[in-house]
Amino acid sequence: MTNPKIARPIGRRRATTLALASGLAMPVVARAQTRWKPDRPITVYNPFAAGGYTDVHLRFLADRVTKILGQQVLVDVKAGAAGTLAPAAMVNAKPDGHTIACMSINSLRYPHYQQTAWHPLKDFSYIIGLSAYTLGIVVRSNAPWQTIEELIAAGKKEPEKYNYGTSGIGGTGQLMMIEIEQSTGAKFTHVPYKGGAEWMQALMSDQVHFLADASQWASFVDAGQCRILATATEKRIPKYADRPTLRERGIDVVGQSPYGLVGHRDLPANVVQTLHDAFKEAMADPAHDELMARFVQGVWYKSPAEYRAFAEKYFVTVKPLLVKAGLAK
C-alpha cells in the first residue's frame, strides 16, 4: 500500500501552474515583465551633419523622450562614411540602452561595397523605424534647366561637365543618379557631402549644379531660391503637385531612403521595448506631423520586429542593384 504520509512528486508543468497561481512568478517571467528605467542620460548618435533635417528630427524626438523617460536624451553628431559612422561607433558601446544610434538605409548597403568591422543584421538590435526621406532632383532658380529632360540632355551632350551633390558615396542619392545615367545615357559628376546642410550650402554657392537627394531643399524651394525638376517618389508629392516624378518622365527610378533607431546587438528585450514605446509616444505628438510635413517627409513607423524584417529583406534584395551600378562585386 502507498504510504499516505509520503507526498507524490508533481510534474514540472503542474509545479509551474501552482507557483503562478500562488503569485510566485518564475524569475524569467519577472525579468520579462520588468520595465527598464534609464539611470543616466541617453545618447543618440546622428549619422548626418548638424543642422540637417535628420538632426532637427532627432532633437525634436529627444526633447519629448526626455520628458517621457525622465532622463535627458542627447543627440551627438557622428557624420561621415555615407551615414554609417554613427551606428558603427555604437557597436562598441555598452549594451545597456544608454547609447543608441540613428541608422540610415546606407548601413544596409555599405557592407556590400567594402569590408566593415560590423554587420547590419548581426551587430544591431532594431528599435523603431522613424521616417523616410523624400528625394528629388533640384536646381537653383536661376539654373538654365526648366525640366528634367533638359538636364538629361545637357548630361548627354557634355558628359561629366555638370556635377551634383548628395549626402555621401553609395547613398540613395548617388544610387538614384547611377540608375538615371544607366537609363538615359547621360553622365554627371558626383560630389559627396556629410549631410543636407552642407550640400544645400554647396548648391546655393554654385559649387554644384544640382542636388539629387532628400528634401533639405524644401524650404529653399518654398522661398523661390530653388526649383524641383522631378521627384524620385512613387507618386507626386501633394505639396508640389505640379512637379512630375521621374517615372512620369520615362525614367523608372524611385529613391528609397528610410531611417530608424538601433541599439547594441545584446540590448535586452525590455530595454528595446522601453525605448520603442518612448519614441513611438514622441512620434504621436501632433507637432511631429507638422514637422514631417514641413520637411516633406513621411512617417515610417516600424516596430522592432517589423524593422528587422525590413532590414533582412532589403539587405538581400539591394545587392543586385549595387552590382549593376558597379558598387559591389
Protein backbone atom coordinates (compact mmCIF):
# COMPACT_ATOMS: atom_id res chain seq x y z
CA MET A 1 0.00 0.00 0.00
CA THR A 2 1.06 3.57 -0.64
CA ASN A 3 2.11 5.46 2.45
CA PRO A 4 -0.29 8.47 2.69
CA LYS A 5 2.39 10.47 4.54
CA ILE A 6 4.70 10.42 1.55
CA ALA A 7 3.80 13.17 -0.95
CA ARG A 8 3.73 12.24 -4.58
CA PRO A 9 6.13 14.17 -6.83
CA ILE A 10 4.31 16.65 -9.00
CA GLY A 11 5.07 17.32 -12.66
CA ARG A 12 7.05 20.33 -13.79
CA ARG A 13 4.05 21.81 -15.62
CA ARG A 14 1.83 21.45 -12.57
CA ALA A 15 4.51 22.98 -10.32
CA THR A 16 4.75 26.00 -12.58
CA THR A 17 0.95 26.34 -12.60
CA LEU A 18 0.78 26.19 -8.82
CA ALA A 19 3.58 28.70 -8.43
CA LEU A 20 1.91 31.18 -10.76
CA ALA A 21 -1.47 30.61 -9.10
CA SER A 22 0.02 31.42 -5.73
CA GLY A 23 1.58 34.62 -7.04
CA LEU A 24 5.13 33.22 -7.06
CA ALA A 25 6.11 34.14 -10.63
CA MET A 26 9.16 32.44 -12.08
CA PRO A 27 12.34 34.60 -12.19
CA VAL A 28 12.44 34.60 -16.01
CA VAL A 29 8.87 35.82 -16.19
CA ALA A 30 9.64 38.53 -13.67
CA ARG A 31 12.56 39.75 -15.73
CA ALA A 32 10.47 39.84 -18.90
CA GLN A 33 7.87 41.98 -17.17
CA THR A 34 10.33 44.47 -15.69
CA ARG A 35 10.21 47.84 -17.41
CA TRP A 36 13.64 49.32 -17.96
CA LYS A 37 14.38 52.68 -16.34
CA PRO A 38 17.43 54.61 -17.57
CA ASP A 39 19.56 55.87 -14.70
CA ARG A 40 21.60 58.44 -16.63
CA PRO A 41 21.37 60.44 -19.89
CA ILE A 42 20.79 58.59 -23.16
CA THR A 43 22.90 59.48 -26.19
CA VAL A 44 21.61 59.12 -29.75
CA TYR A 45 24.29 59.16 -32.45
CA ASN A 46 23.20 61.14 -35.51
CA PRO A 47 24.71 59.87 -38.79
CA PHE A 48 24.39 63.15 -40.65
CA ALA A 49 25.60 66.73 -40.29
CA ALA A 50 24.36 69.12 -37.62
CA GLY A 51 21.54 71.38 -38.75
CA GLY A 52 20.17 68.94 -41.31
CA TYR A 53 16.65 67.56 -41.26
CA THR A 54 17.72 64.33 -39.55
CA ASP A 55 19.45 66.32 -36.82
CA VAL A 56 16.40 68.52 -36.27
CA HIS A 57 14.11 65.49 -36.27
CA LEU A 58 16.19 63.59 -33.73
CA ARG A 59 16.43 66.60 -31.43
CA PHE A 60 12.66 67.06 -31.64
CA LEU A 61 12.14 63.45 -30.55
CA ALA A 62 14.91 63.62 -27.94
CA ASP A 63 13.24 66.58 -26.24
CA ARG A 64 9.98 64.67 -25.86
CA VAL A 65 11.55 61.36 -24.87
CA THR A 66 13.49 63.22 -22.17
CA LYS A 67 10.15 64.10 -20.56
CA ILE A 68 8.72 60.61 -21.09
CA LEU A 69 11.64 58.67 -19.56
CA GLY A 70 12.77 61.25 -17.01
CA GLN A 71 16.36 61.24 -18.26
CA GLN A 72 17.95 63.66 -20.68
CA VAL A 73 18.29 62.38 -24.24
CA LEU A 74 21.24 63.92 -26.08
CA VAL A 75 21.96 63.94 -29.82
CA ASP A 76 25.62 63.50 -30.73
CA VAL A 77 26.59 64.12 -34.37
CA LYS A 78 28.83 61.45 -35.86
CA ALA A 79 28.62 62.24 -39.56
CA GLY A 80 30.68 60.51 -42.19
CA ALA A 81 31.15 57.31 -44.20
CA ALA A 82 27.88 57.91 -46.09
CA GLY A 83 25.90 57.96 -42.87
CA THR A 84 27.31 54.70 -41.48
CA LEU A 85 29.69 56.15 -38.90
CA ALA A 86 27.04 56.62 -36.21
CA PRO A 87 25.80 53.03 -35.97
CA ALA A 88 29.37 51.75 -36.41
CA ALA A 89 30.51 53.89 -33.47
CA MET A 90 27.75 52.42 -31.30
CA VAL A 91 28.83 48.80 -31.83
CA ASN A 92 31.41 49.05 -29.04
CA ALA A 93 29.10 50.82 -26.59
CA LYS A 94 27.79 49.05 -23.51
CA PRO A 95 24.58 47.10 -24.24
CA ASP A 96 22.63 48.99 -21.57
CA GLY A 97 20.42 51.26 -23.68
CA HIS A 98 22.17 54.49 -22.78
CA THR A 99 23.86 54.72 -26.18
CA ILE A 100 21.84 54.13 -29.35
CA ALA A 101 22.13 55.32 -32.94
CA CYS A 102 20.09 56.55 -35.84
CA MET A 103 20.71 54.24 -38.78
CA SER A 104 20.01 55.22 -42.37
CA ILE A 105 19.42 52.71 -45.12
CA ASN A 106 23.02 53.25 -46.22
CA SER A 107 24.14 50.90 -43.45
CA LEU A 108 22.27 48.09 -45.19
CA ARG A 109 24.28 48.73 -48.36
CA TYR A 110 27.75 49.64 -47.14
CA PRO A 111 28.92 46.10 -46.27
CA HIS A 112 28.28 45.18 -49.92
CA TYR A 113 30.72 47.92 -51.01
CA GLN A 114 33.61 47.10 -48.75
CA GLN A 115 34.65 45.11 -45.70
CA THR A 116 33.34 46.55 -42.43
CA ALA A 117 34.01 45.84 -38.76
CA TRP A 118 30.28 45.45 -38.21
CA HIS A 119 27.34 43.70 -39.85
CA PRO A 120 23.92 45.39 -40.09
CA LEU A 121 21.97 42.21 -39.28
CA LYS A 122 24.30 40.67 -36.69
CA ASP A 123 25.51 43.65 -34.69
CA PHE A 124 22.37 45.69 -34.03
CA SER A 125 19.10 45.46 -32.15
CA TYR A 126 16.36 47.15 -34.14
CA ILE A 127 14.32 49.55 -32.01
CA ILE A 128 11.95 51.61 -34.17
CA GLY A 129 11.51 52.92 -37.70
CA LEU A 130 11.11 56.70 -37.76
CA SER A 131 10.85 58.38 -41.16
CA ALA A 132 11.72 58.21 -44.84
CA TYR A 133 13.41 60.89 -46.90
CA THR A 134 11.70 62.28 -49.99
CA LEU A 135 14.24 62.54 -52.81
CA GLY A 136 14.26 64.75 -55.85
CA ILE A 137 16.37 66.49 -58.50
CA VAL A 138 16.68 70.17 -57.55
CA VAL A 139 18.45 73.13 -59.15
CA ARG A 140 18.85 76.82 -58.25
CA SER A 141 16.08 79.06 -59.52
CA ASN A 142 18.50 80.71 -61.97
CA ALA A 143 19.70 77.41 -63.45
CA PRO A 144 19.27 77.05 -67.23
CA TRP A 145 17.23 73.84 -66.98
CA GLN A 146 13.47 74.04 -66.57
CA THR A 147 12.75 70.31 -66.89
CA ILE A 148 14.46 67.03 -66.10
CA GLU A 149 14.62 66.34 -69.83
CA GLU A 150 16.73 69.47 -70.35
CA LEU A 151 19.14 68.44 -67.59
CA ILE A 152 19.46 64.94 -69.04
CA ALA A 153 20.12 66.40 -72.49
CA ALA A 154 22.92 68.55 -71.03
CA GLY A 155 24.43 65.49 -69.35
CA LYS A 156 24.42 63.62 -72.65
CA LYS A 157 25.82 66.48 -74.70
CA GLU A 158 28.69 67.23 -72.30
CA PRO A 159 29.31 64.13 -70.14
CA GLU A 160 30.63 64.76 -66.59
CA LYS A 161 30.67 68.55 -67.06
CA TYR A 162 27.84 69.10 -64.61
CA ASN A 163 28.13 67.92 -61.01
CA TYR A 164 25.60 67.06 -58.35
CA GLY A 165 25.63 66.89 -54.57
CA THR A 166 24.44 64.07 -52.30
CA SER A 167 24.87 63.01 -48.69
CA GLY A 168 27.62 60.52 -49.45
CA ILE A 169 29.21 57.86 -51.61
CA GLY A 170 26.93 54.87 -52.02
CA GLY A 171 23.93 56.72 -50.60
CA THR A 172 20.44 56.76 -52.05
CA GLY A 173 21.14 59.97 -53.97
CA GLN A 174 24.12 58.53 -55.81
CA LEU A 175 22.32 55.24 -56.48
CA MET A 176 19.39 57.19 -57.88
CA MET A 177 21.71 59.11 -60.22
CA ILE A 178 23.52 55.94 -61.33
CA GLU A 179 20.18 54.46 -62.29
CA ILE A 180 19.22 57.67 -64.13
CA GLU A 181 22.52 57.64 -66.02
CA GLN A 182 22.14 53.99 -66.97
CA SER A 183 18.58 54.62 -68.10
CA THR A 184 19.23 57.76 -70.15
CA GLY A 185 22.87 57.65 -71.25
CA ALA A 186 23.63 60.97 -69.53
CA LYS A 187 26.73 61.30 -67.36
CA PHE A 188 27.29 63.60 -64.39
CA THR A 189 29.98 64.06 -61.73
CA HIS A 190 29.19 63.10 -58.15
CA VAL A 191 30.26 65.32 -55.24
CA PRO A 192 29.56 63.72 -51.81
CA TYR A 193 28.88 65.69 -48.61
CA LYS A 194 28.25 64.76 -44.99
CA GLY A 195 24.65 65.91 -44.94
CA GLY A 196 21.87 68.14 -46.21
CA ALA A 197 23.08 71.36 -44.61
CA GLU A 198 26.40 71.01 -46.42
CA TRP A 199 25.08 70.18 -49.85
CA MET A 200 22.45 72.91 -49.69
CA GLN A 201 25.21 75.41 -49.00
CA ALA A 202 27.18 73.95 -51.90
CA LEU A 203 24.23 74.35 -54.26
CA MET A 204 23.47 77.91 -53.23
CA SER A 205 27.13 78.92 -53.54
CA ASP A 206 27.35 77.42 -57.04
CA GLN A 207 29.76 74.64 -56.05
CA VAL A 208 27.42 72.04 -57.55
CA HIS A 209 24.95 72.40 -60.40
CA PHE A 210 22.12 70.38 -58.89
CA LEU A 211 21.13 68.12 -55.99
CA ALA A 212 19.99 64.53 -56.07
CA ASP A 213 18.96 63.84 -52.52
CA ALA A 214 16.47 64.29 -49.71
CA SER A 215 14.13 67.21 -49.11
CA GLN A 216 16.52 69.52 -47.26
CA TRP A 217 15.77 71.63 -50.31
CA ALA A 218 12.09 72.13 -49.39
CA SER A 219 12.42 75.49 -47.61
CA PHE A 220 14.61 76.81 -50.45
CA VAL A 221 12.01 75.72 -53.00
CA ASP A 222 9.28 77.39 -50.94
CA ALA A 223 11.34 80.61 -50.82
CA GLY A 224 11.75 80.57 -54.60
CA GLN A 225 15.51 80.02 -54.42
CA CYS A 226 15.39 76.52 -55.91
CA ARG A 227 13.32 74.60 -58.44
CA ILE A 228 12.34 70.92 -58.43
CA LEU A 229 12.85 69.27 -61.80
CA ALA A 230 11.43 65.90 -60.71
CA THR A 231 10.86 63.82 -57.59
CA ALA A 232 12.06 60.25 -57.09
CA THR A 233 8.79 59.17 -55.48
CA GLU A 234 6.13 56.62 -56.43
CA LYS A 235 3.54 59.39 -56.79
CA ARG A 236 3.62 63.17 -56.93
CA ILE A 237 4.15 64.99 -53.66
CA PRO A 238 0.90 66.76 -52.67
CA LYS A 239 2.77 69.90 -51.62
CA TYR A 240 4.44 70.09 -55.04
CA ALA A 241 1.69 68.57 -57.13
CA ASP A 242 2.84 70.42 -60.25
CA ARG A 243 6.23 68.68 -60.17
CA PRO A 244 6.44 65.35 -62.05
CA THR A 245 8.00 62.14 -60.83
CA LEU A 246 10.94 60.59 -62.68
CA ARG A 247 8.66 57.74 -63.69
CA GLU A 248 6.26 60.15 -65.33
CA ARG A 249 9.15 61.31 -67.48
CA GLY A 250 10.01 57.78 -68.57
CA ILE A 251 12.82 57.22 -66.04
CA ASP A 252 11.88 54.20 -63.93
CA VAL A 253 13.71 55.22 -60.74
CA VAL A 254 12.38 55.53 -57.17
CA GLY A 255 14.63 56.56 -54.28
CA GLN A 256 14.04 54.52 -51.11
CA SER A 257 15.67 56.02 -48.03
CA PRO A 258 14.14 55.32 -44.59
CA TYR A 259 15.88 55.57 -41.22
CA GLY A 260 15.31 54.46 -37.65
CA LEU A 261 16.95 53.74 -34.32
CA VAL A 262 19.15 50.77 -33.45
CA GLY A 263 20.99 49.60 -30.36
CA HIS A 264 23.75 47.19 -29.43
CA ARG A 265 23.12 43.60 -30.56
CA ASP A 266 22.93 42.43 -26.92
CA LEU A 267 20.38 45.02 -25.85
CA PRO A 268 17.88 43.30 -23.50
CA ALA A 269 14.34 42.95 -24.85
CA ASN A 270 12.83 45.12 -22.10
CA VAL A 271 15.28 47.94 -22.93
CA VAL A 272 14.37 47.72 -26.63
CA GLN A 273 10.69 47.81 -25.75
CA THR A 274 11.01 50.77 -23.39
CA LEU A 275 12.93 52.81 -25.95
CA HIS A 276 10.50 51.84 -28.70
CA ASP A 277 7.49 52.84 -26.61
CA ALA A 278 9.02 56.18 -25.62
CA PHE A 279 9.93 57.19 -29.17
CA LYS A 280 6.60 55.96 -30.52
CA GLU A 281 4.84 58.15 -27.95
CA ALA A 282 7.00 61.09 -29.03
CA MET A 283 6.03 60.47 -32.66
CA ALA A 284 2.36 60.64 -31.67
CA ASP A 285 2.74 64.32 -30.71
CA PRO A 286 0.69 66.38 -33.23
CA ALA A 287 3.69 68.67 -33.64
CA HIS A 288 5.57 65.69 -35.09
CA ASP A 289 3.17 65.51 -38.04
CA GLU A 290 3.68 69.24 -38.59
CA LEU A 291 7.45 68.77 -38.59
CA MET A 292 7.26 65.91 -41.09
CA ALA A 293 5.03 67.99 -43.35
CA ARG A 294 7.48 70.89 -43.19
CA PHE A 295 10.34 68.55 -44.08
CA VAL A 296 8.26 66.90 -46.84
CA GLN A 297 8.96 63.54 -45.23
CA GLY A 298 6.71 60.64 -44.43
CA VAL A 299 6.37 58.87 -41.10
CA TRP A 300 7.96 55.43 -41.47
CA TYR A 301 6.94 53.72 -38.26
CA LYS A 302 8.19 50.17 -37.75
CA SER A 303 8.06 48.05 -34.61
CA PRO A 304 11.28 46.25 -33.59
CA ALA A 305 10.17 43.07 -35.38
CA GLU A 306 8.95 44.93 -38.47
CA TYR A 307 12.13 47.00 -38.69
CA ARG A 308 14.33 43.92 -38.50
CA ALA A 309 12.22 42.11 -41.09
CA PHE A 310 12.59 45.07 -43.45
CA ALA A 311 16.36 45.18 -42.90
CA GLU A 312 16.80 41.46 -43.52
CA LYS A 313 14.85 41.60 -46.76
CA TYR A 314 16.42 44.80 -48.09
CA PHE A 315 19.98 43.68 -47.32
CA VAL A 316 19.48 40.76 -49.68
CA THR A 317 17.38 42.39 -52.41
CA VAL A 318 19.51 45.54 -52.81
CA LYS A 319 22.70 43.69 -53.73
CA PRO A 320 21.81 43.06 -57.42
CA LEU A 321 21.22 46.82 -57.86
CA LEU A 322 24.60 47.60 -56.31
CA VAL A 323 26.32 45.06 -58.52
CA LYS A 324 24.59 46.53 -61.58
CA ALA A 325 25.70 50.01 -60.51
CA GLY A 326 29.29 48.80 -60.21
CA LEU A 327 29.44 49.49 -56.48
CA ALA A 328 29.52 45.88 -55.28
CA LYS A 329 31.05 42.66 -56.52
